């Protein structure tokens, strides 16, 4: 790590966190790191203590849960005395959150929470809230996970990630640039990636010389293919971290060949931030069970291990809008075996079910599927959406709209997509009553039928 990185990690960030931001991120981070010295039993006991406290809070202070659980036959929350009992509680869906939003927020938290929104990898825009301490804790967990992959606090990082939508003022650009410089990172947008101009990305990597690269899977894979094909000399970081999409082994091999560096997969979602991350052994992803309860369920809503199941997550720290047994729309396989690295956190063997197709244009533009959730979450008039591409020169937007959707919204969407496609795509709209599920029971945000 560089001199600045070490000073930032040990002095600047702790002081900034405590006295400038007045947050508990650094304190939570220190405690989270110490918990990795515990054994699995100690972690599970800690997890249960946090869960038991949260459930009592929900029963007393969150109107939705008491009613929801009583309807499932729970007469008193004291009946829930173990994780086996916890599995008796009904799951929480995005539909529940949308329909009973106000009832999920304790009276004491109303107007005080941090509000968040996500486009939703399942194609359904979604809003939620969390309290300040929960926000601090999830950042701490992220830094801990990135830390064991050479991408933690102070590491010089380059992000191949998303970008702000719409026009950004010069002042805002300056502020954001200074903010990222302070965190010792450089942001490079992949929303306008073009196959004919891949040299832009390799030049930025070589100029910046990051210790680590954090990226969506497909953009990094395309850059790696370009490097291998053109035999380009590229800076080799200590590590490369991928997220937002499944990482397939053929992609990992191509990326590692290009950068001569290991690729580590991470798994998270906006509702919880970092859920799990690989370590250097690459035997699966370590689950942050001291911060979350992560379950996998089959179609009968029964717990499954060593086979794919629907992911159900509980945030142990969010008292502002608790998400208890929340179905996030993804699928995974939890491993029954520990990792040989010595990290006591249990393992996800494989993330089975999340893939956003890339939209392409005749001039070589590549628009990652992540753009569309990022874009459509800004419009309250869109209930669900899906982007379909059957021809290289056009896309069809399937939209379930409500009475808040306007013609002006449509013009803004056109402008934004045209900005990234360079005007090469004809944009067709199809307003529908609903969008059908795939055979696996999920929505797909983007569907490309191009060969």
Protein backbone atom coordinates (compact mmCIF):
# COMPACT_ATOMS: atom_id res chain seq x y z
CA UNK A 1 0.00 0.00 0.00
CA UNK A 2 1.23 3.54 -0.78
CA UNK A 3 2.33 6.04 1.84
CA UNK A 4 -0.93 7.97 1.41
CA UNK A 5 -2.91 4.75 1.64
CA UNK A 6 -1.36 3.82 4.97
CA UNK A 7 -1.77 7.33 6.40
CA UNK A 8 -5.35 7.44 5.15
CA UNK A 9 -6.21 4.06 6.68
CA UNK A 10 -4.57 4.64 10.06
CA UNK A 11 -5.03 8.38 10.64
CA UNK A 12 -7.10 10.31 8.08
CA UNK A 13 -10.12 8.02 7.82
CA UNK A 14 -10.54 7.44 11.59
CA UNK A 15 -10.39 11.21 12.22
CA UNK A 16 -12.65 11.99 9.25
CA UNK A 17 -15.18 9.37 10.35
CA UNK A 18 -15.31 10.52 13.96
CA UNK A 19 -14.98 14.31 13.76
CA UNK A 20 -16.09 15.33 10.25
CA UNK A 21 -18.74 12.78 9.34
CA UNK A 22 -19.57 12.13 13.02
CA UNK A 23 -20.28 8.52 12.10
CA UNK A 24 -19.45 5.18 13.68
CA UNK A 25 -18.03 3.61 10.52
CA UNK A 26 -14.47 3.32 11.82
CA UNK A 27 -15.63 1.96 15.19
CA UNK A 28 -17.88 -0.59 13.47
CA UNK A 29 -15.03 -1.49 11.11
CA UNK A 30 -12.62 -2.18 13.98
CA UNK A 31 -15.16 -4.34 15.77
CA UNK A 32 -16.04 -6.24 12.58
CA UNK A 33 -12.38 -7.07 11.94
CA UNK A 34 -11.95 -8.36 15.51
CA UNK A 35 -14.88 -10.74 15.06
CA UNK A 36 -12.91 -12.63 12.40
CA UNK A 37 -10.74 -13.96 15.24
CA UNK A 38 -13.79 -15.69 16.74
CA UNK A 39 -14.81 -19.26 15.94
CA UNK A 40 -18.01 -20.13 14.09
CA UNK A 41 -19.93 -20.89 17.29
CA UNK A 42 -19.10 -17.48 18.74
CA UNK A 43 -20.21 -15.80 15.52
CA UNK A 44 -23.49 -17.73 15.49
CA UNK A 45 -24.17 -16.82 19.12
CA UNK A 46 -23.47 -13.16 18.31
CA UNK A 47 -25.76 -13.38 15.27
CA UNK A 48 -28.57 -14.86 17.37
CA UNK A 49 -28.24 -12.17 20.05
CA UNK A 50 -28.58 -9.47 17.42
CA UNK A 51 -31.49 -11.25 15.77
CA UNK A 52 -33.37 -11.84 19.03
CA UNK A 53 -33.08 -8.14 19.89
CA UNK A 54 -34.25 -7.10 16.41
CA UNK A 55 -37.28 -9.42 16.48
CA UNK A 56 -38.38 -8.03 19.85
CA UNK A 57 -38.08 -4.52 18.42
CA UNK A 58 -40.16 -5.44 15.37
CA UNK A 59 -42.90 -7.11 17.42
CA UNK A 60 -43.30 -4.03 19.63
CA UNK A 61 -42.55 -1.15 17.24
CA UNK A 62 -43.18 -2.22 13.63
CA UNK A 63 -46.93 -2.59 12.96
CA UNK A 64 -46.54 -4.69 9.82
CA UNK A 65 -44.54 -7.49 11.40
CA UNK A 66 -46.77 -8.20 14.39
CA UNK A 67 -49.77 -8.50 12.08
CA UNK A 68 -47.80 -10.43 9.44
CA UNK A 69 -46.44 -12.93 11.95
CA UNK A 70 -49.71 -13.37 13.84
CA UNK A 71 -51.41 -14.26 10.56
CA UNK A 72 -48.77 -17.00 10.21
CA UNK A 73 -49.71 -18.42 13.62
CA UNK A 74 -47.09 -16.75 15.83
CA UNK A 75 -48.87 -15.76 19.06
CA UNK A 76 -45.86 -14.23 20.78
CA UNK A 77 -42.39 -13.39 19.52
CA UNK A 78 -40.91 -15.24 22.52
CA UNK A 79 -41.89 -18.45 20.69
CA UNK A 80 -38.92 -17.78 18.38
CA UNK A 81 -36.04 -19.22 20.42
CA UNK A 82 -33.66 -20.41 17.70
CA UNK A 83 -32.87 -20.09 14.00
CA UNK A 84 -35.03 -23.18 13.45
CA UNK A 85 -37.97 -21.30 15.01
CA UNK A 86 -37.01 -18.19 13.02
CA UNK A 87 -37.62 -20.18 9.82
CA UNK A 88 -41.30 -20.39 10.80
CA UNK A 89 -41.73 -16.67 10.16
CA UNK A 90 -43.17 -15.83 6.74
CA UNK A 91 -40.92 -14.23 4.13
CA UNK A 92 -41.02 -10.58 3.14
CA UNK A 93 -41.34 -9.73 -0.56
CA UNK A 94 -40.83 -6.54 -2.54
CA UNK A 95 -44.59 -6.45 -3.00
CA UNK A 96 -45.04 -6.44 0.79
CA UNK A 97 -42.61 -3.52 1.10
CA UNK A 98 -44.29 -1.53 -1.66
CA UNK A 99 -47.78 -2.17 -0.29
CA UNK A 100 -47.08 -1.73 3.43
CA UNK A 101 -44.20 0.73 3.25
CA UNK A 102 -45.33 3.05 6.07
CA UNK A 103 -46.19 0.14 8.37
CA UNK A 104 -42.61 -1.14 8.09
CA UNK A 105 -41.16 2.03 9.61
CA UNK A 106 -41.32 2.46 13.41
CA UNK A 107 -42.93 5.72 14.54
CA UNK A 108 -39.65 6.75 16.20
CA UNK A 109 -37.79 6.47 12.86
CA UNK A 110 -40.20 8.33 10.57
CA UNK A 111 -38.54 11.29 8.93
CA UNK A 112 -35.10 10.37 10.37
CA UNK A 113 -34.06 7.50 8.08
CA UNK A 114 -31.77 7.53 5.07
CA UNK A 115 -33.85 6.89 1.97
CA UNK A 116 -32.55 4.63 -0.79
CA UNK A 117 -33.79 3.39 -4.14
CA UNK A 118 -32.78 0.60 -6.47
CA UNK A 119 -33.89 -0.25 -9.98
CA UNK A 120 -34.01 -3.86 -8.87
CA UNK A 121 -32.23 -6.64 -10.75
CA UNK A 122 -35.65 -8.27 -11.16
CA UNK A 123 -37.01 -5.30 -13.09
CA UNK A 124 -39.17 -3.77 -10.37
CA UNK A 125 -38.10 -0.35 -9.03
CA UNK A 126 -37.81 -0.51 -5.27
CA UNK A 127 -37.48 1.99 -2.41
CA UNK A 128 -36.45 1.37 1.18
CA UNK A 129 -34.98 3.13 4.22
CA UNK A 130 -32.33 2.51 6.84
CA UNK A 131 -31.08 4.26 9.96
CA UNK A 132 -27.70 5.97 10.37
CA UNK A 133 -26.06 3.21 12.42
CA UNK A 134 -27.16 0.57 9.91
CA UNK A 135 -25.62 2.63 7.12
CA UNK A 136 -22.36 2.92 9.07
CA UNK A 137 -22.31 -0.81 9.85
CA UNK A 138 -22.83 -1.91 6.24
CA UNK A 139 -20.00 0.36 5.08
CA UNK A 140 -17.76 -1.20 7.74
CA UNK A 141 -18.66 -4.71 6.54
CA UNK A 142 -17.88 -3.71 2.97
CA UNK A 143 -14.46 -2.34 3.93
CA UNK A 144 -13.73 -5.51 5.90
CA UNK A 145 -14.57 -7.75 2.95
CA UNK A 146 -12.67 -5.60 0.47
CA UNK A 147 -9.80 -5.48 2.94
CA UNK A 148 -8.98 -9.18 2.76
CA UNK A 149 -8.84 -8.77 -1.05
CA UNK A 150 -6.26 -5.93 -1.11
CA UNK A 151 -9.01 -3.38 -1.83
CA UNK A 152 -9.74 -2.04 1.63
CA UNK A 153 -9.40 1.40 3.19
CA UNK A 154 -6.55 3.35 1.61
CA UNK A 155 -6.00 1.04 -1.35
CA UNK A 156 -5.50 2.89 -4.63
CA UNK A 157 -8.55 1.68 -6.57
CA UNK A 158 -9.99 2.10 -10.05
CA UNK A 159 -13.72 1.46 -10.41
CA UNK A 160 -15.16 0.36 -13.78
CA UNK A 161 -18.67 1.15 -12.65
CA UNK A 162 -21.83 3.14 -13.36
CA UNK A 163 -22.18 6.86 -13.81
CA UNK A 164 -24.55 9.68 -12.88
CA UNK A 165 -27.57 9.90 -15.12
CA UNK A 166 -28.63 13.11 -16.80
CA UNK A 167 -26.61 16.31 -16.93
CA UNK A 168 -24.17 16.89 -14.09
CA UNK A 169 -23.11 20.41 -13.17
CA UNK A 170 -19.44 21.36 -13.28
CA UNK A 171 -19.48 22.08 -9.54
CA UNK A 172 -20.90 18.63 -8.79
CA UNK A 173 -18.28 16.99 -11.00
CA UNK A 174 -15.52 18.83 -9.13
CA UNK A 175 -16.97 17.82 -5.74
CA UNK A 176 -17.32 14.17 -6.78
CA UNK A 177 -13.79 14.10 -8.19
CA UNK A 178 -12.37 15.48 -4.94
CA UNK A 179 -14.48 13.02 -2.93
CA UNK A 180 -13.14 10.04 -4.89
CA UNK A 181 -9.57 11.36 -4.72
CA UNK A 182 -9.94 11.57 -0.94
CA UNK A 183 -10.96 7.90 -0.88
CA UNK A 184 -7.94 7.13 -3.12
CA UNK A 185 -10.01 5.89 -6.04
CA UNK A 186 -10.78 6.75 -9.65
CA UNK A 187 -14.22 6.22 -11.19
CA UNK A 188 -14.49 5.23 -14.87
CA UNK A 189 -17.98 4.88 -16.32
CA UNK A 190 -18.81 1.72 -18.28
CA UNK A 191 -22.31 2.84 -19.30
CA UNK A 192 -20.95 4.19 -22.61
CA UNK A 193 -18.42 1.42 -23.33
CA UNK A 194 -17.71 1.00 -27.05
CA UNK A 195 -15.90 -2.01 -28.56
CA UNK A 196 -14.18 0.31 -31.04
CA UNK A 197 -12.64 2.45 -28.29
CA UNK A 198 -11.45 -0.04 -25.70
CA UNK A 199 -8.07 1.67 -25.66
CA UNK A 200 -9.67 4.41 -23.52
CA UNK A 201 -9.97 1.97 -20.62
CA UNK A 202 -6.53 0.41 -20.95
CA UNK A 203 -4.92 3.85 -21.12
CA UNK A 204 -6.71 4.99 -17.97
CA UNK A 205 -5.64 1.82 -16.13
CA UNK A 206 -2.03 2.22 -17.22
CA UNK A 207 -1.98 5.91 -16.31
CA UNK A 208 -3.57 5.46 -12.88
CA UNK A 209 -1.77 2.21 -11.95
CA UNK A 210 -4.30 1.09 -9.32
CA UNK A 211 -3.57 -1.44 -6.59
CA UNK A 212 -6.97 -2.93 -7.30
CA UNK A 213 -9.71 -2.73 -9.93
CA UNK A 214 -13.38 -3.03 -8.90
CA UNK A 215 -15.77 -3.65 -11.77
CA UNK A 216 -18.99 -5.01 -13.16
CA UNK A 217 -18.19 -8.43 -14.61
CA UNK A 218 -18.98 -7.93 -18.30
CA UNK A 219 -17.15 -4.61 -18.84
CA UNK A 220 -14.00 -6.01 -17.22
CA UNK A 221 -14.34 -9.16 -19.31
CA UNK A 222 -14.59 -7.11 -22.52
CA UNK A 223 -11.53 -5.05 -21.57
CA UNK A 224 -9.65 -8.29 -20.82
CA UNK A 225 -10.58 -9.80 -24.19
CA UNK A 226 -9.30 -6.66 -25.91
CA UNK A 227 -6.02 -6.80 -23.97
CA UNK A 228 -5.49 -10.46 -24.87
CA UNK A 229 -6.48 -10.03 -28.49
CA UNK A 230 -4.31 -6.95 -29.12
CA UNK A 231 -1.48 -8.21 -26.87
CA UNK A 232 -1.47 -4.94 -24.92
CA UNK A 233 0.92 -4.35 -22.05
CA UNK A 234 -1.31 -3.58 -19.07
CA UNK A 235 -0.65 -2.61 -15.46
CA UNK A 236 -1.14 -5.62 -13.18
CA UNK A 237 -2.98 -4.73 -9.95
CA UNK A 238 -2.75 -6.78 -6.76
CA UNK A 239 -6.35 -7.89 -7.21
CA UNK A 240 -9.48 -7.45 -9.30
CA UNK A 241 -12.91 -7.47 -7.65
CA UNK A 242 -16.10 -8.17 -9.58
CA UNK A 243 -19.72 -7.69 -8.63
CA UNK A 244 -23.26 -6.87 -9.84
CA UNK A 245 -23.32 -9.89 -12.20
CA UNK A 246 -22.42 -13.58 -11.94
CA UNK A 247 -18.75 -14.30 -12.59
CA UNK A 248 -18.29 -17.38 -14.75
CA UNK A 249 -15.07 -19.38 -14.73
CA UNK A 250 -14.38 -18.76 -18.42
CA UNK A 251 -14.57 -15.02 -17.71
CA UNK A 252 -12.30 -15.33 -14.68
CA UNK A 253 -9.65 -17.13 -16.78
CA UNK A 254 -9.72 -14.51 -19.54
CA UNK A 255 -9.48 -11.61 -17.05
CA UNK A 256 -6.67 -13.22 -15.06
CA UNK A 257 -4.77 -13.95 -18.26
CA UNK A 258 -5.05 -10.31 -19.33
CA UNK A 259 -4.05 -8.69 -16.04
CA UNK A 260 -1.83 -11.44 -14.61
CA UNK A 261 -3.69 -10.96 -11.36
CA UNK A 262 -6.33 -12.87 -9.41
CA UNK A 263 -10.02 -12.08 -9.85
CA UNK A 264 -12.21 -12.21 -6.74
CA UNK A 265 -15.98 -12.32 -6.87
CA UNK A 266 -18.22 -10.42 -4.48
CA UNK A 267 -21.97 -10.60 -3.94
CA UNK A 268 -24.20 -7.83 -2.71
CA UNK A 269 -27.29 -5.80 -3.41
CA UNK A 270 -28.30 -2.24 -2.66
CA UNK A 271 -30.68 -3.28 0.12
CA UNK A 272 -27.80 -4.78 2.17
CA UNK A 273 -24.54 -3.76 0.45
CA UNK A 274 -21.88 -6.51 0.73
CA UNK A 275 -23.46 -9.89 1.49
CA UNK A 276 -20.52 -12.19 0.76
CA UNK A 277 -17.06 -12.14 -0.80
CA UNK A 278 -14.39 -14.56 -1.93
CA UNK A 279 -11.04 -14.80 -0.19
CA UNK A 280 -7.65 -15.69 -1.65
CA UNK A 281 -8.48 -19.42 -1.54
CA UNK A 282 -11.41 -18.85 -3.96
CA UNK A 283 -13.41 -21.76 -2.53
CA UNK A 284 -16.66 -19.81 -2.42
CA UNK A 285 -17.89 -16.54 -0.89
CA UNK A 286 -17.74 -15.83 2.85
CA UNK A 287 -21.16 -14.78 4.22
CA UNK A 288 -21.22 -11.84 6.64
CA UNK A 289 -23.33 -13.64 9.26
CA UNK A 290 -22.39 -11.18 12.00
CA UNK A 291 -24.28 -8.53 10.03
CA UNK A 292 -26.92 -10.58 8.19
CA UNK A 293 -28.92 -13.80 8.34
CA UNK A 294 -28.71 -15.40 4.90
CA UNK A 295 -30.95 -18.37 4.08
CA UNK A 296 -31.68 -20.36 0.93
CA UNK A 297 -35.15 -21.84 0.41
CA UNK A 298 -36.58 -24.33 -2.05
CA UNK A 299 -39.99 -24.00 -3.71
CA UNK A 300 -41.65 -25.38 -0.58
CA UNK A 301 -39.95 -22.62 1.47
CA UNK A 302 -37.77 -25.21 3.19
CA UNK A 303 -34.12 -24.56 4.08
CA UNK A 304 -31.66 -26.10 1.64
CA UNK A 305 -27.90 -26.52 1.84
CA UNK A 306 -25.61 -27.69 -1.00
CA UNK A 307 -28.37 -27.07 -3.55
CA UNK A 308 -29.64 -23.93 -5.22
CA UNK A 309 -32.36 -22.01 -3.43
CA UNK A 310 -33.99 -18.59 -3.27
CA UNK A 311 -31.97 -16.17 -1.16
CA UNK A 312 -33.73 -14.77 1.92
CA UNK A 313 -31.91 -12.10 3.93
CA UNK A 314 -32.36 -10.34 7.28
CA UNK A 315 -30.40 -7.18 8.07
CA UNK A 316 -29.49 -7.39 11.75
CA UNK A 317 -28.67 -3.69 12.07
CA UNK A 318 -31.48 -1.85 10.30
CA UNK A 319 -33.93 -0.72 12.96
CA UNK A 320 -35.19 2.17 10.82
CA UNK A 321 -36.98 -0.11 8.34
CA UNK A 322 -36.25 -3.73 9.26
CA UNK A 323 -36.13 -6.21 6.39
CA UNK A 324 -36.84 -9.60 7.98
CA UNK A 325 -36.53 -12.72 5.79
CA UNK A 326 -36.54 -10.54 2.69
CA UNK A 327 -36.60 -12.32 -0.69
CA UNK A 328 -34.17 -10.36 -2.87
CA UNK A 329 -34.86 -12.23 -6.12
CA UNK A 330 -31.52 -14.05 -6.44
CA UNK A 331 -30.59 -17.70 -6.04
CA UNK A 332 -27.51 -19.25 -4.47
CA UNK A 333 -26.04 -22.49 -3.14
CA UNK A 334 -24.80 -22.42 0.46
CA UNK A 335 -21.86 -24.71 1.13
CA UNK A 336 -21.90 -27.15 4.08
CA UNK A 337 -18.09 -26.94 4.31
CA UNK A 338 -15.85 -24.23 5.78
CA UNK A 339 -13.09 -22.53 3.83
CA UNK A 340 -9.51 -23.70 4.36
CA UNK A 341 -8.33 -20.09 4.78
CA UNK A 342 -9.28 -20.00 8.47
CA UNK A 343 -11.89 -17.25 8.11
CA UNK A 344 -14.78 -18.42 10.37
CA UNK A 345 -17.53 -16.94 8.18
CA UNK A 346 -19.54 -19.69 6.41
CA UNK A 347 -19.63 -20.06 2.66
CA UNK A 348 -21.80 -19.56 -0.38
CA UNK A 349 -20.63 -22.12 -2.91
CA UNK A 350 -22.17 -20.40 -5.92
CA UNK A 351 -24.44 -17.51 -6.92
CA UNK A 352 -26.85 -19.19 -9.31
CA UNK A 353 -29.29 -16.66 -10.57
CA UNK A 354 -28.48 -13.13 -11.66
CA UNK A 355 -27.52 -12.05 -15.15
CA UNK A 356 -28.20 -8.80 -16.98
CA UNK A 357 -27.79 -9.09 -20.75
CA UNK A 358 -25.72 -6.51 -22.63
CA UNK A 359 -27.47 -4.35 -25.25
CA UNK A 360 -25.40 -3.83 -28.41
CA UNK A 361 -25.46 -1.44 -31.38
CA UNK A 362 -24.24 -1.64 -34.97
CA UNK A 363 -21.42 0.84 -34.27
CA UNK A 364 -19.96 -1.34 -31.52
CA UNK A 365 -21.51 0.32 -28.47
CA UNK A 366 -22.11 -2.01 -25.52
CA UNK A 367 -24.68 -0.90 -22.94
CA UNK A 368 -24.56 -3.01 -19.76
CA UNK A 369 -27.87 -4.17 -18.37
CA UNK A 370 -27.11 -2.29 -15.13
CA UNK A 371 -27.86 1.01 -16.92
CA UNK A 372 -31.58 0.30 -17.12
CA UNK A 373 -32.33 -0.36 -13.43
CA UNK A 374 -30.13 2.65 -12.68
CA UNK A 375 -32.20 4.76 -15.09
CA UNK A 376 -35.74 3.53 -14.44
CA UNK A 377 -35.51 3.80 -10.64
CA UNK A 378 -35.70 7.58 -11.16
CA UNK A 379 -39.27 7.38 -12.49
CA UNK A 380 -42.08 6.80 -9.98
CA UNK A 381 -44.45 6.25 -12.92
CA UNK A 382 -42.73 2.96 -13.83
CA UNK A 383 -43.88 -0.06 -11.83
CA UNK A 384 -42.00 -2.75 -13.79
CA UNK A 385 -39.93 -2.83 -16.93
CA UNK A 386 -37.97 -5.05 -19.27
CA UNK A 387 -35.66 -4.24 -22.18
CA UNK A 388 -35.72 -6.59 -25.17
CA UNK A 389 -33.37 -6.65 -28.13
CA UNK A 390 -34.03 -8.85 -31.15
CA UNK A 391 -32.30 -6.67 -33.77
CA UNK A 392 -29.02 -4.78 -33.66
CA UNK A 393 -30.63 -1.44 -34.52
CA UNK A 394 -33.53 -1.39 -32.05
CA UNK A 395 -34.77 -2.22 -28.56
CA UNK A 396 -38.25 -2.57 -27.13
CA UNK A 397 -39.06 -1.23 -23.67
CA UNK A 398 -41.83 -3.19 -22.01
CA UNK A 399 -43.24 -0.93 -19.30
CA UNK A 400 -45.91 -1.41 -16.67
CA UNK A 401 -46.80 2.21 -15.95
CA UNK A 402 -49.01 3.97 -13.46
CA UNK A 403 -50.75 7.35 -13.58
CA UNK A 404 -47.52 9.20 -12.69
CA UNK A 405 -45.86 8.28 -15.99
CA UNK A 406 -45.73 11.23 -18.42
CA UNK A 407 -44.71 11.98 -21.99
CA UNK A 408 -41.85 14.04 -20.55
CA UNK A 409 -40.58 10.90 -18.76
CA UNK A 410 -40.49 9.14 -22.12
CA UNK A 411 -38.47 11.97 -23.69
CA UNK A 412 -35.95 11.88 -20.83
CA UNK A 413 -35.59 8.10 -21.16
CA UNK A 414 -35.03 8.44 -24.92
CA UNK A 415 -32.37 11.12 -24.39
CA UNK A 416 -30.55 9.05 -21.79
CA UNK A 417 -30.50 5.85 -23.87
CA UNK A 418 -29.50 7.81 -26.98
CA UNK A 419 -26.62 9.32 -25.02
CA UNK A 420 -25.14 5.88 -24.39
CA UNK A 421 -26.11 4.29 -27.72
CA UNK A 422 -24.92 7.34 -29.70
CA UNK A 423 -28.36 7.46 -31.32
CA UNK A 424 -27.89 4.06 -32.95
CA UNK A 425 -30.96 2.41 -31.41
CA UNK A 426 -34.57 2.81 -32.37
CA UNK A 427 -36.46 2.84 -29.07
CA UNK A 428 -39.87 1.19 -29.15
CA UNK A 429 -42.33 1.33 -26.25
CA UNK A 430 -44.79 -1.37 -25.36
CA UNK A 431 -47.02 -0.60 -22.40
CA UNK A 432 -48.23 -3.82 -20.81
CA UNK A 433 -50.30 -4.90 -17.82
CA UNK A 434 -47.60 -7.22 -16.52
CA UNK A 435 -44.28 -8.80 -17.47
CA UNK A 436 -44.14 -12.61 -17.40
CA UNK A 437 -41.68 -14.53 -15.28
CA UNK A 438 -38.97 -16.70 -16.74
CA UNK A 439 -39.14 -20.47 -16.25
CA UNK A 440 -36.95 -20.04 -13.17
CA UNK A 441 -39.59 -17.77 -11.65
CA UNK A 442 -37.71 -14.47 -12.05
CA UNK A 443 -37.95 -11.34 -14.15
CA UNK A 444 -35.12 -10.45 -16.47
CA UNK A 445 -34.22 -6.79 -16.75
CA UNK A 446 -32.70 -7.12 -20.23
CA UNK A 447 -33.27 -9.86 -22.75
CA UNK A 448 -30.96 -10.00 -25.76
CA UNK A 449 -31.80 -12.48 -28.49
CA UNK A 450 -28.87 -11.49 -30.69
CA UNK A 451 -26.58 -14.33 -31.70
